[in-house]
């Protein structure tokens, strides 16, 4: 939860966001040996290859709705709006 910045223009917003990103580069994630900025400098020269044209950009799999209005995919839990939720019939 972050408070909403009150800024006068898009230029001011851009400067604010840039300052926040640069500050975050100095942050060290718990359990990591280097800062976010140091990790980015290592990763930056090795961009992932662009997907080939027509590549599949989604995965469709059957999922089961939990009692908490969530579906589980791999190890992630995704919330589903309760009014749109319906159980998947196997």
PDB file of N, CA and C in Angstrom:
ATOM      1  N   UNK A   1       0.841  -1.165   0.000  1.00  0.00           N
ATOM      2  CA  UNK A   1       0.000   0.000   0.000  1.00  0.00           C
ATOM      3  C   UNK A   1       0.897   1.242   0.000  1.00  0.00           C
ATOM      4  N   UNK A   2       0.730   2.033  -1.020  1.00  0.00           N
ATOM      5  CA  UNK A   2       1.532   3.237  -1.179  1.00  0.00           C
ATOM      6  C   UNK A   2       0.575   4.399  -1.358  1.00  0.00           C
ATOM      7  N   UNK A   3       0.880   5.508  -0.705  1.00  0.00           N
ATOM      8  CA  UNK A   3       0.011   6.669  -0.858  1.00  0.00           C
ATOM      9  C   UNK A   3       0.106   7.205  -2.278  1.00  0.00           C
ATOM     10  N   UNK A   4      -0.980   7.770  -2.768  1.00  0.00           N
ATOM     11  CA  UNK A   4      -1.034   8.317  -4.117  1.00  0.00           C
ATOM     12  C   UNK A   4      -0.326   9.663  -4.123  1.00  0.00           C
ATOM     13  N   UNK A   5       0.666   9.823  -5.005  1.00  0.00           N
ATOM     14  CA  UNK A   5       1.350  11.122  -5.052  1.00  0.00           C
ATOM     15  C   UNK A   5       0.445  12.172  -5.703  1.00  0.00           C
ATOM     16  N   UNK A   6       0.503  13.381  -5.201  1.00  0.00           N
ATOM     17  CA  UNK A   6      -0.269  14.490  -5.777  1.00  0.00           C
ATOM     18  C   UNK A   6       0.719  15.358  -6.541  1.00  0.00           C
ATOM     19  N   UNK A   7       0.660  15.261  -7.859  1.00  0.00           N
ATOM     20  CA  UNK A   7       1.615  15.943  -8.707  1.00  0.00           C
ATOM     21  C   UNK A   7       0.875  16.834  -9.703  1.00  0.00           C
ATOM     22  N   UNK A   8       1.542  17.882 -10.152  1.00  0.00           N
ATOM     23  CA  UNK A   8       0.893  18.891 -10.979  1.00  0.00           C
ATOM     24  C   UNK A   8       0.901  18.555 -12.470  1.00  0.00           C
ATOM     25  N   UNK A   9       1.814  17.662 -12.919  1.00  0.00           N
ATOM     26  CA  UNK A   9       1.910  17.416 -14.360  1.00  0.00           C
ATOM     27  C   UNK A   9       2.473  16.017 -14.609  1.00  0.00           C
ATOM     28  N   UNK A  10       2.382  15.594 -15.865  1.00  0.00           N
ATOM     29  CA  UNK A  10       2.970  14.317 -16.241  1.00  0.00           C
ATOM     30  C   UNK A  10       4.495  14.373 -16.126  1.00  0.00           C
ATOM     31  N   UNK A  11       5.079  15.517 -16.400  1.00  0.00           N
ATOM     32  CA  UNK A  11       6.533  15.667 -16.264  1.00  0.00           C
ATOM     33  C   UNK A  11       6.956  15.457 -14.811  1.00  0.00           C
ATOM     34  N   UNK A  12       6.189  16.025 -13.898  1.00  0.00           N
ATOM     35  CA  UNK A  12       6.473  15.857 -12.471  1.00  0.00           C
ATOM     36  C   UNK A  12       6.275  14.396 -12.062  1.00  0.00           C
ATOM     37  N   UNK A  13       5.242  13.760 -12.599  1.00  0.00           N
ATOM     38  CA  UNK A  13       5.010  12.346 -12.322  1.00  0.00           C
ATOM     39  C   UNK A  13       6.169  11.504 -12.846  1.00  0.00           C
ATOM     40  N   UNK A  14       6.620  11.800 -14.065  1.00  0.00           N
ATOM     41  CA  UNK A  14       7.733  11.068 -14.650  1.00  0.00           C
ATOM     42  C   UNK A  14       8.989  11.195 -13.778  1.00  0.00           C
ATOM     43  N   UNK A  15       9.293  12.404 -13.342  1.00  0.00           N
ATOM     44  CA  UNK A  15      10.463  12.629 -12.489  1.00  0.00           C
ATOM     45  C   UNK A  15      10.322  11.874 -11.163  1.00  0.00           C
ATOM     46  N   UNK A  16       9.128  11.881 -10.605  1.00  0.00           N
ATOM     47  CA  UNK A  16       8.868  11.180  -9.341  1.00  0.00           C
ATOM     48  C   UNK A  16       9.081   9.675  -9.515  1.00  0.00           C
ATOM     49  N   UNK A  17       8.514   9.098 -10.588  1.00  0.00           N
ATOM     50  CA  UNK A  17       8.652   7.669 -10.820  1.00  0.00           C
ATOM     51  C   UNK A  17      10.103   7.280 -11.089  1.00  0.00           C
ATOM     52  N   UNK A  18      10.822   8.107 -11.851  1.00  0.00           N
ATOM     53  CA  UNK A  18      12.231   7.836 -12.114  1.00  0.00           C
ATOM     54  C   UNK A  18      13.032   7.825 -10.813  1.00  0.00           C
ATOM     55  N   UNK A  19      12.776   8.794  -9.946  1.00  0.00           N
ATOM     56  CA  UNK A  19      13.479   8.854  -8.661  1.00  0.00           C
ATOM     57  C   UNK A  19      13.189   7.614  -7.821  1.00  0.00           C
ATOM     58  N   UNK A  20      11.927   7.152  -7.837  1.00  0.00           N
ATOM     59  CA  UNK A  20      11.565   5.955  -7.075  1.00  0.00           C
ATOM     60  C   UNK A  20      12.261   4.713  -7.637  1.00  0.00           C
ATOM     61  N   UNK A  21      12.332   4.609  -8.969  1.00  0.00           N
ATOM     62  CA  UNK A  21      13.007   3.462  -9.593  1.00  0.00           C
ATOM     63  C   UNK A  21      14.499   3.460  -9.280  1.00  0.00           C
ATOM     64  N   UNK A  22      15.126   4.631  -9.351  1.00  0.00           N
ATOM     65  CA  UNK A  22      16.551   4.720  -9.050  1.00  0.00           C
ATOM     66  C   UNK A  22      16.833   4.389  -7.587  1.00  0.00           C
ATOM     67  N   UNK A  23      15.951   4.818  -6.700  1.00  0.00           N
ATOM     68  CA  UNK A  23      16.105   4.486  -5.281  1.00  0.00           C
ATOM     69  C   UNK A  23      15.947   2.975  -5.067  1.00  0.00           C
ATOM     70  N   UNK A  24      15.018   2.363  -5.822  1.00  0.00           N
ATOM     71  CA  UNK A  24      14.792   0.921  -5.678  1.00  0.00           C
ATOM     72  C   UNK A  24      16.001   0.118  -6.157  1.00  0.00           C
ATOM     73  N   UNK A  25      16.780   0.691  -7.081  1.00  0.00           N
ATOM     74  CA  UNK A  25      18.000   0.015  -7.526  1.00  0.00           C
ATOM     75  C   UNK A  25      18.969  -0.236  -6.379  1.00  0.00           C
ATOM     76  N   UNK A  26      18.903   0.569  -5.324  1.00  0.00           N
ATOM     77  CA  UNK A  26      19.806   0.434  -4.181  1.00  0.00           C
ATOM     78  C   UNK A  26      19.306  -0.585  -3.163  1.00  0.00           C
ATOM     79  N   UNK A  27      18.066  -1.060  -3.349  1.00  0.00           N
ATOM     80  CA  UNK A  27      17.463  -1.981  -2.384  1.00  0.00           C
ATOM     81  C   UNK A  27      18.020  -3.382  -2.577  1.00  0.00           C
ATOM     82  N   UNK A  28      18.265  -4.061  -1.460  1.00  0.00           N
ATOM     83  CA  UNK A  28      18.718  -5.447  -1.492  1.00  0.00           C
ATOM     84  C   UNK A  28      17.586  -6.323  -0.977  1.00  0.00           C
ATOM     85  N   UNK A  29      17.116  -7.217  -1.828  1.00  0.00           N
ATOM     86  CA  UNK A  29      16.024  -8.119  -1.461  1.00  0.00           C
ATOM     87  C   UNK A  29      16.533  -9.103  -0.425  1.00  0.00           C
ATOM     88  N   UNK A  30      15.736  -9.364   0.577  1.00  0.00           N
ATOM     89  CA  UNK A  30      16.110 -10.274   1.650  1.00  0.00           C
ATOM     90  C   UNK A  30      16.547 -11.623   1.078  1.00  0.00           C
ATOM     91  N   UNK A  31      17.712 -12.072   1.462  1.00  0.00           N
ATOM     92  CA  UNK A  31      18.228 -13.351   1.015  1.00  0.00           C
ATOM     93  C   UNK A  31      19.031 -13.287  -0.274  1.00  0.00           C
ATOM     94  N   UNK A  32      19.141 -12.115  -0.887  1.00  0.00           N
ATOM     95  CA  UNK A  32      19.905 -11.967  -2.123  1.00  0.00           C
ATOM     96  C   UNK A  32      21.275 -11.364  -1.824  1.00  0.00           C
ATOM     97  N   UNK A  33      22.265 -11.718  -2.617  1.00  0.00           N
ATOM     98  CA  UNK A  33      23.636 -11.269  -2.370  1.00  0.00           C
ATOM     99  C   UNK A  33      23.917  -9.881  -2.928  1.00  0.00           C
ATOM    100  N   UNK A  34      23.065  -9.390  -3.823  1.00  0.00           N
ATOM    101  CA  UNK A  34      23.337  -8.095  -4.459  1.00  0.00           C
ATOM    102  C   UNK A  34      22.068  -7.256  -4.493  1.00  0.00           C
ATOM    103  N   UNK A  35      22.267  -5.973  -4.806  1.00  0.00           N
ATOM    104  CA  UNK A  35      21.117  -5.076  -4.899  1.00  0.00           C
ATOM    105  C   UNK A  35      20.379  -5.325  -6.214  1.00  0.00           C
ATOM    106  N   UNK A  36      19.184  -4.765  -6.317  1.00  0.00           N
ATOM    107  CA  UNK A  36      18.398  -4.876  -7.545  1.00  0.00           C
ATOM    108  C   UNK A  36      19.161  -4.263  -8.712  1.00  0.00           C
ATOM    109  N   UNK A  37      19.787  -3.121  -8.507  1.00  0.00           N
ATOM    110  CA  UNK A  37      20.554  -2.461  -9.559  1.00  0.00           C
ATOM    111  C   UNK A  37      21.744  -3.288 -10.016  1.00  0.00           C
ATOM    112  N   UNK A  38      22.443  -3.918  -9.085  1.00  0.00           N
ATOM    113  CA  UNK A  38      23.585  -4.768  -9.445  1.00  0.00           C
ATOM    114  C   UNK A  38      23.120  -5.978 -10.256  1.00  0.00           C
ATOM    115  N   UNK A  39      22.013  -6.573  -9.864  1.00  0.00           N
ATOM    116  CA  UNK A  39      21.478  -7.724 -10.599  1.00  0.00           C
ATOM    117  C   UNK A  39      21.045  -7.305 -12.004  1.00  0.00           C
ATOM    118  N   UNK A  40      20.458  -6.108 -12.130  1.00  0.00           N
ATOM    119  CA  UNK A  40      20.025  -5.617 -13.440  1.00  0.00           C
ATOM    120  C   UNK A  40      21.221  -5.391 -14.358  1.00  0.00           C
ATOM    121  N   UNK A  41      22.318  -4.869 -13.837  1.00  0.00           N
ATOM    122  CA  UNK A  41      23.509  -4.640 -14.665  1.00  0.00           C
ATOM    123  C   UNK A  41      24.055  -5.949 -15.225  1.00  0.00           C
ATOM    124  N   UNK A  42      23.941  -7.028 -14.465  1.00  0.00           N
ATOM    125  CA  UNK A  42      24.380  -8.346 -14.948  1.00  0.00           C
ATOM    126  C   UNK A  42      23.410  -8.871 -16.005  1.00  0.00           C
ATOM    127  N   UNK A  43      22.122  -8.686 -15.770  1.00  0.00           N
ATOM    128  CA  UNK A  43      21.098  -9.245 -16.653  1.00  0.00           C
ATOM    129  C   UNK A  43      20.882  -8.410 -17.920  1.00  0.00           C
ATOM    130  N   UNK A  44      21.108  -7.114 -17.856  1.00  0.00           N
ATOM    131  CA  UNK A  44      20.790  -6.198 -18.952  1.00  0.00           C
ATOM    132  C   UNK A  44      21.389  -6.594 -20.304  1.00  0.00           C
ATOM    133  N   UNK A  45      22.651  -7.043 -20.405  1.00  0.00           N
ATOM    134  CA  UNK A  45      23.195  -7.365 -21.726  1.00  0.00           C
ATOM    135  C   UNK A  45      22.660  -8.675 -22.320  1.00  0.00           C
ATOM    136  N   UNK A  46      21.827  -9.380 -21.589  1.00  0.00           N
ATOM    137  CA  UNK A  46      21.351 -10.695 -22.052  1.00  0.00           C
ATOM    138  C   UNK A  46      19.831 -10.695 -22.203  1.00  0.00           C
ATOM    139  N   UNK A  47      19.299  -9.912 -23.138  1.00  0.00           N
ATOM    140  CA  UNK A  47      17.837  -9.879 -23.266  1.00  0.00           C
ATOM    141  C   UNK A  47      17.298 -11.213 -23.776  1.00  0.00           C
ATOM    142  N   UNK A  48      16.103 -11.512 -23.384  1.00  0.00           N
ATOM    143  CA  UNK A  48      15.456 -12.721 -23.880  1.00  0.00           C
ATOM    144  C   UNK A  48      15.113 -12.525 -25.348  1.00  0.00           C
ATOM    145  N   UNK A  49      15.169 -13.585 -26.092  1.00  0.00           N
ATOM    146  CA  UNK A  49      14.815 -13.502 -27.512  1.00  0.00           C
ATOM    147  C   UNK A  49      13.335 -13.153 -27.653  1.00  0.00           C
ATOM    148  N   UNK A  50      13.035 -12.340 -28.644  1.00  0.00           N
ATOM    149  CA  UNK A  50      11.640 -11.994 -28.913  1.00  0.00           C
ATOM    150  C   UNK A  50      10.913 -13.232 -29.411  1.00  0.00           C
ATOM    151  N   UNK A  51       9.671 -13.404 -28.998  1.00  0.00           N
ATOM    152  CA  UNK A  51       8.935 -14.577 -29.463  1.00  0.00           C
ATOM    153  C   UNK A  51       8.721 -14.516 -30.972  1.00  0.00           C
ATOM    154  N   UNK A  52       8.726 -15.674 -31.596  1.00  0.00           N
ATOM    155  CA  UNK A  52       8.493 -15.703 -33.037  1.00  0.00           C
ATOM    156  C   UNK A  52       7.040 -15.348 -33.327  1.00  0.00           C
ATOM    157  N   UNK A  53       6.782 -14.857 -34.504  1.00  0.00           N
ATOM    158  CA  UNK A  53       5.425 -14.454 -34.893  1.00  0.00           C
ATOM    159  C   UNK A  53       4.494 -15.657 -34.784  1.00  0.00           C
ATOM    160  N   UNK A  54       3.330 -15.411 -34.261  1.00  0.00           N
ATOM    161  CA  UNK A  54       2.334 -16.461 -34.152  1.00  0.00           C
ATOM    162  C   UNK A  54       2.540 -17.399 -32.984  1.00  0.00           C
ATOM    163  N   UNK A  55       3.444 -17.068 -32.068  1.00  0.00           N
ATOM    164  CA  UNK A  55       3.675 -17.959 -30.933  1.00  0.00           C
ATOM    165  C   UNK A  55       2.487 -17.903 -29.977  1.00  0.00           C
ATOM    166  N   UNK A  56       2.298 -18.990 -29.275  1.00  0.00           N
ATOM    167  CA  UNK A  56       1.188 -19.084 -28.325  1.00  0.00           C
ATOM    168  C   UNK A  56       1.473 -18.173 -27.128  1.00  0.00           C
ATOM    169  N   UNK A  57       0.607 -17.236 -26.847  1.00  0.00           N
ATOM    170  CA  UNK A  57       0.845 -16.303 -25.746  1.00  0.00           C
ATOM    171  C   UNK A  57      -0.057 -16.583 -24.543  1.00  0.00           C
ATOM    172  N   UNK A  58      -0.734 -17.701 -24.573  1.00  0.00           N
ATOM    173  CA  UNK A  58      -1.565 -18.050 -23.426  1.00  0.00           C
ATOM    174  C   UNK A  58      -1.579 -19.565 -23.276  1.00  0.00           C
ATOM    175  N   UNK A  59      -1.994 -19.985 -22.104  1.00  0.00           N
ATOM    176  CA  UNK A  59      -2.134 -21.405 -21.821  1.00  0.00           C
ATOM    177  C   UNK A  59      -3.540 -21.612 -21.305  1.00  0.00           C
ATOM    178  N   UNK A  60      -4.233 -22.564 -21.843  1.00  0.00           N
ATOM    179  CA  UNK A  60      -5.578 -22.876 -21.382  1.00  0.00           C
ATOM    180  C   UNK A  60      -5.538 -24.246 -20.730  1.00  0.00           C
ATOM    181  N   UNK A  61      -5.830 -24.268 -19.443  1.00  0.00           N
ATOM    182  CA  UNK A  61      -5.813 -25.521 -18.698  1.00  0.00           C
ATOM    183  C   UNK A  61      -7.042 -25.573 -17.795  1.00  0.00           C
ATOM    184  N   UNK A  62      -7.541 -26.756 -17.528  1.00  0.00           N
ATOM    185  CA  UNK A  62      -8.652 -26.848 -16.577  1.00  0.00           C
ATOM    186  C   UNK A  62      -8.137 -26.573 -15.169  1.00  0.00           C
ATOM    187  N   UNK A  63      -8.901 -25.843 -14.403  1.00  0.00           N
ATOM    188  CA  UNK A  63      -8.550 -25.542 -13.014  1.00  0.00           C
ATOM    189  C   UNK A  63      -9.752 -25.830 -12.131  1.00  0.00           C
ATOM    190  N   UNK A  64      -9.490 -25.954 -10.866  1.00  0.00           N
ATOM    191  CA  UNK A  64     -10.559 -26.201  -9.903  1.00  0.00           C
ATOM    192  C   UNK A  64     -10.704 -24.977  -9.006  1.00  0.00           C
ATOM    193  N   UNK A  65     -11.920 -24.585  -8.748  1.00  0.00           N
ATOM    194  CA  UNK A  65     -12.204 -23.449  -7.883  1.00  0.00           C
ATOM    195  C   UNK A  65     -12.139 -23.888  -6.431  1.00  0.00           C
ATOM    196  N   UNK A  66     -11.379 -23.144  -5.612  1.00  0.00           N
ATOM    197  CA  UNK A  66     -11.294 -23.464  -4.186  1.00  0.00           C
ATOM    198  C   UNK A  66     -12.464 -22.820  -3.448  1.00  0.00           C
ATOM    199  N   UNK A  67     -12.707 -23.220  -2.205  1.00  0.00           N
ATOM    200  CA  UNK A  67     -13.764 -22.578  -1.419  1.00  0.00           C
ATOM    201  C   UNK A  67     -13.498 -21.095  -1.162  1.00  0.00           C
ATOM    202  N   UNK A  68     -12.289 -20.622  -1.457  1.00  0.00           N
ATOM    203  CA  UNK A  68     -11.931 -19.228  -1.223  1.00  0.00           C
ATOM    204  C   UNK A  68     -12.005 -18.398  -2.502  1.00  0.00           C
ATOM    205  N   UNK A  69     -12.734 -18.879  -3.508  1.00  0.00           N
ATOM    206  CA  UNK A  69     -12.869 -18.205  -4.810  1.00  0.00           C
ATOM    207  C   UNK A  69     -11.509 -17.961  -5.451  1.00  0.00           C
ATOM    208  N   UNK A  70     -10.681 -18.980  -5.424  1.00  0.00           N
ATOM    209  CA  UNK A  70      -9.373 -18.924  -6.055  1.00  0.00           C
ATOM    210  C   UNK A  70      -9.213 -20.134  -6.968  1.00  0.00           C
ATOM    211  N   UNK A  71      -8.373 -19.954  -7.993  1.00  0.00           N
ATOM    212  CA  UNK A  71      -7.937 -21.086  -8.798  1.00  0.00           C
ATOM    213  C   UNK A  71      -6.438 -21.204  -8.601  1.00  0.00           C
ATOM    214  N   UNK A  72      -5.925 -22.417  -8.707  1.00  0.00           N
ATOM    215  CA  UNK A  72      -4.505 -22.667  -8.494  1.00  0.00           C
ATOM    216  C   UNK A  72      -3.909 -23.134  -9.810  1.00  0.00           C
ATOM    217  N   UNK A  73      -2.870 -22.438 -10.240  1.00  0.00           N
ATOM    218  CA  UNK A  73      -2.142 -22.803 -11.452  1.00  0.00           C
ATOM    219  C   UNK A  73      -0.679 -22.888 -11.067  1.00  0.00           C
ATOM    220  N   UNK A  74      -0.082 -24.049 -11.290  1.00  0.00           N
ATOM    221  CA  UNK A  74       1.263 -24.332 -10.812  1.00  0.00           C
ATOM    222  C   UNK A  74       1.255 -24.139  -9.297  1.00  0.00           C
ATOM    223  N   UNK A  75       2.034 -23.207  -8.778  1.00  0.00           N
ATOM    224  CA  UNK A  75       2.040 -22.968  -7.331  1.00  0.00           C
ATOM    225  C   UNK A  75       1.403 -21.632  -6.977  1.00  0.00           C
ATOM    226  N   UNK A  76       0.735 -21.001  -7.942  1.00  0.00           N
ATOM    227  CA  UNK A  76       0.159 -19.675  -7.722  1.00  0.00           C
ATOM    228  C   UNK A  76      -1.344 -19.758  -7.503  1.00  0.00           C
ATOM    229  N   UNK A  77      -1.834 -18.935  -6.590  1.00  0.00           N
ATOM    230  CA  UNK A  77      -3.262 -18.831  -6.312  1.00  0.00           C
ATOM    231  C   UNK A  77      -3.768 -17.532  -6.919  1.00  0.00           C
ATOM    232  N   UNK A  78      -4.809 -17.627  -7.755  1.00  0.00           N
ATOM    233  CA  UNK A  78      -5.379 -16.450  -8.402  1.00  0.00           C
ATOM    234  C   UNK A  78      -6.808 -16.266  -7.936  1.00  0.00           C
ATOM    235  N   UNK A  79      -7.128 -15.061  -7.504  1.00  0.00           N
ATOM    236  CA  UNK A  79      -8.482 -14.765  -7.059  1.00  0.00           C
ATOM    237  C   UNK A  79      -9.417 -14.673  -8.252  1.00  0.00           C
ATOM    238  N   UNK A  80     -10.618 -15.167  -8.054  1.00  0.00           N
ATOM    239  CA  UNK A  80     -11.655 -15.119  -9.079  1.00  0.00           C
ATOM    240  C   UNK A  80     -12.814 -14.343  -8.485  1.00  0.00           C
ATOM    241  N   UNK A  81     -13.377 -13.374  -9.214  1.00  0.00           N
ATOM    242  CA  UNK A  81     -14.539 -12.658  -8.670  1.00  0.00           C
ATOM    243  C   UNK A  81     -15.642 -13.648  -8.316  1.00  0.00           C
ATOM    244  N   UNK A  82     -16.148 -13.549  -7.107  1.00  0.00           N
ATOM    245  CA  UNK A  82     -17.122 -14.513  -6.617  1.00  0.00           C
ATOM    246  C   UNK A  82     -18.376 -14.544  -7.480  1.00  0.00           C
ATOM    247  N   UNK A  83     -18.794 -13.402  -8.020  1.00  0.00           N
ATOM    248  CA  UNK A  83     -20.009 -13.396  -8.827  1.00  0.00           C
ATOM    249  C   UNK A  83     -19.786 -14.014 -10.207  1.00  0.00           C
ATOM    250  N   UNK A  84     -18.543 -14.173 -10.630  1.00  0.00           N
ATOM    251  CA  UNK A  84     -18.241 -14.816 -11.909  1.00  0.00           C
ATOM    252  C   UNK A  84     -17.750 -16.247 -11.741  1.00  0.00           C
ATOM    253  N   UNK A  85     -17.566 -16.668 -10.526  1.00  0.00           N
ATOM    254  CA  UNK A  85     -16.981 -17.983 -10.268  1.00  0.00           C
ATOM    255  C   UNK A  85     -18.031 -19.074 -10.471  1.00  0.00           C
ATOM    256  N   UNK A  86     -17.580 -20.158 -11.035  1.00  0.00           N
ATOM    257  CA  UNK A  86     -18.410 -21.333 -11.156  1.00  0.00           C
ATOM    258  C   UNK A  86     -17.490 -22.542 -11.123  1.00  0.00           C
ATOM    259  N   UNK A  87     -17.933 -23.636 -10.565  1.00  0.00           N
ATOM    260  CA  UNK A  87     -17.052 -24.805 -10.490  1.00  0.00           C
ATOM    261  C   UNK A  87     -16.858 -25.425 -11.875  1.00  0.00           C
ATOM    262  N   UNK A  88     -15.658 -25.868 -12.140  1.00  0.00           N
ATOM    263  CA  UNK A  88     -15.342 -26.548 -13.387  1.00  0.00           C
ATOM    264  C   UNK A  88     -15.787 -28.002 -13.247  1.00  0.00           C
ATOM    265  N   UNK A  89     -16.524 -28.499 -14.214  1.00  0.00           N
ATOM    266  CA  UNK A  89     -16.986 -29.888 -14.182  1.00  0.00           C
ATOM    267  C   UNK A  89     -15.931 -30.737 -14.874  1.00  0.00           C
ATOM    268  N   UNK A  90     -15.461 -31.757 -14.182  1.00  0.00           N
ATOM    269  CA  UNK A  90     -14.401 -32.620 -14.721  1.00  0.00           C
ATOM    270  C   UNK A  90     -14.990 -33.725 -15.524  1.00  0.00           C
TER     271      UNK A  90
END
